[in-house]
Amino acid sequence: MTQDRARTREIDQNLFGKTQAQILARRRVVEEQDEIAAAREENTLRLRALRLEKEASAPVPVKMAKRAALKALPPPVPAAQAEGGAAAPRRKAKTPLKRATTKGA
């Protein structure tokens, strides 16, 4: 009877040890992934700061400045709406006329 208990206890301890080893291995993997993500984020922030510094010190070409200014403006409003009136109704598109065909010609 004591041998059965000892054997059962030994099996349980082995299973527990395997489970603990798996948990520790997963923790290590997660920690490594977190370290990689933190390093990536740090590098991204460093590169962003360098880019912003470079952009701030470089003169902006005239075309780019005009384009940026135009993008900042609101879209144009049609004249009828700007005056407070209703927009003019749209006309239907003209359909091409069918030509009459003559038979036996």
Protein backbone atom coordinates (compact mmCIF):
# COMPACT_ATOMS: atom_id res chain seq x y z
CA MET A 1 0.00 0.00 0.00
CA THR A 2 2.78 2.43 0.83
CA GLN A 3 4.49 1.52 -2.42
CA ASP A 4 1.33 2.48 -4.34
CA ARG A 5 1.20 5.82 -2.57
CA ALA A 6 4.87 6.43 -3.16
CA ARG A 7 4.50 5.55 -6.85
CA THR A 8 1.41 7.78 -7.20
CA ARG A 9 3.20 10.62 -5.44
CA GLU A 10 6.21 10.24 -7.71
CA ILE A 11 3.99 10.34 -10.82
CA ASP A 12 2.18 13.40 -9.51
CA GLN A 13 5.45 15.19 -8.78
CA ASN A 14 6.75 14.40 -12.28
CA LEU A 15 3.57 15.75 -13.87
CA PHE A 16 3.72 18.84 -11.69
CA GLY A 17 7.36 19.39 -12.67
CA LYS A 18 6.48 19.12 -16.37
CA THR A 19 3.63 21.59 -15.94
CA GLN A 20 5.89 24.03 -14.11
CA ALA A 21 8.54 23.71 -16.82
CA GLN A 22 5.95 24.52 -19.50
CA ILE A 23 4.72 27.54 -17.57
CA LEU A 24 8.25 28.86 -17.11
CA ALA A 25 9.04 28.30 -20.79
CA ARG A 26 5.93 30.24 -21.81
CA ARG A 27 6.86 33.07 -19.46
CA ARG A 28 10.31 33.29 -21.02
CA VAL A 29 8.81 33.44 -24.52
CA VAL A 30 6.37 36.16 -23.49
CA GLU A 31 9.15 38.15 -21.82
CA GLU A 32 11.30 37.89 -24.95
CA GLN A 33 8.40 39.08 -27.10
CA ASP A 34 7.80 41.99 -24.72
CA GLU A 35 11.48 42.94 -24.89
CA ILE A 36 11.39 42.83 -28.70
CA ALA A 37 8.24 44.98 -28.79
CA ALA A 38 9.75 47.49 -26.35
CA ALA A 39 12.95 47.71 -28.42
CA ARG A 40 10.90 48.22 -31.59
CA GLU A 41 8.84 50.96 -29.96
CA GLU A 42 11.98 52.67 -28.66
CA ASN A 43 13.57 52.54 -32.11
CA THR A 44 10.39 53.90 -33.71
CA LEU A 45 10.28 56.82 -31.29
CA ARG A 46 13.96 57.58 -31.91
CA LEU A 47 13.53 57.51 -35.69
CA ARG A 48 10.38 59.62 -35.51
CA ALA A 49 12.19 62.24 -33.43
CA LEU A 50 15.05 62.32 -35.96
CA ARG A 51 12.62 62.65 -38.88
CA LEU A 52 10.69 65.47 -37.22
CA GLU A 53 13.95 67.26 -36.42
CA LYS A 54 15.09 66.90 -40.02
CA GLU A 55 11.74 68.11 -41.38
CA ALA A 56 11.78 71.11 -39.04
CA SER A 57 15.24 72.18 -40.14
CA ALA A 58 14.75 71.59 -43.89
CA PRO A 59 13.11 74.31 -45.98
CA VAL A 60 9.75 73.33 -47.45
CA PRO A 61 9.60 73.51 -51.25
CA VAL A 62 7.07 76.04 -52.59
CA LYS A 63 4.94 73.39 -54.34
CA MET A 64 4.64 71.34 -51.19
CA ALA A 65 3.74 74.40 -49.12
CA LYS A 66 1.00 75.40 -51.58
CA ARG A 67 -0.36 71.87 -51.68
CA ALA A 68 -0.46 71.69 -47.88
CA ALA A 69 -2.20 75.07 -47.70
CA LEU A 70 -4.82 73.95 -50.21
CA LYS A 71 -5.48 70.75 -48.29
CA ALA A 72 -6.07 72.78 -45.13
CA LEU A 73 -8.83 74.86 -46.77
CA PRO A 74 -12.45 73.69 -46.58
CA PRO A 75 -13.99 72.47 -49.85
CA PRO A 76 -15.55 75.18 -52.05
CA VAL A 77 -19.28 75.82 -51.66
CA PRO A 78 -21.43 76.28 -54.82
CA ALA A 79 -22.55 79.88 -55.38
CA ALA A 80 -26.26 79.10 -54.96
CA GLN A 81 -25.68 77.54 -51.56
CA ALA A 82 -23.32 80.31 -50.48
CA GLU A 83 -26.04 82.93 -51.03
CA GLY A 84 -28.50 80.96 -48.97
CA GLY A 85 -30.64 79.85 -51.89
CA ALA A 86 -31.45 76.33 -52.89
CA ALA A 87 -29.28 74.57 -55.38
CA ALA A 88 -30.53 74.54 -58.95
CA PRO A 89 -32.23 71.29 -59.95
CA ARG A 90 -30.24 69.02 -62.20
CA ARG A 91 -31.38 68.44 -65.75
CA LYS A 92 -31.79 64.98 -67.10
CA ALA A 93 -29.10 63.81 -69.45
CA LYS A 94 -30.09 63.91 -73.09
CA THR A 95 -30.59 60.57 -74.71
CA PRO A 96 -29.49 60.09 -78.31
CA LEU A 97 -32.30 59.95 -80.86
CA LYS A 98 -32.94 56.74 -82.69
CA ARG A 99 -32.62 57.03 -86.41
CA ALA A 100 -35.45 55.78 -88.52
CA THR A 101 -34.42 52.96 -90.79
CA THR A 102 -35.98 52.43 -94.16
CA LYS A 103 -36.88 48.99 -95.27
CA GLY A 104 -36.17 47.67 -98.71
CA ALA A 105 -33.76 50.34 -99.72
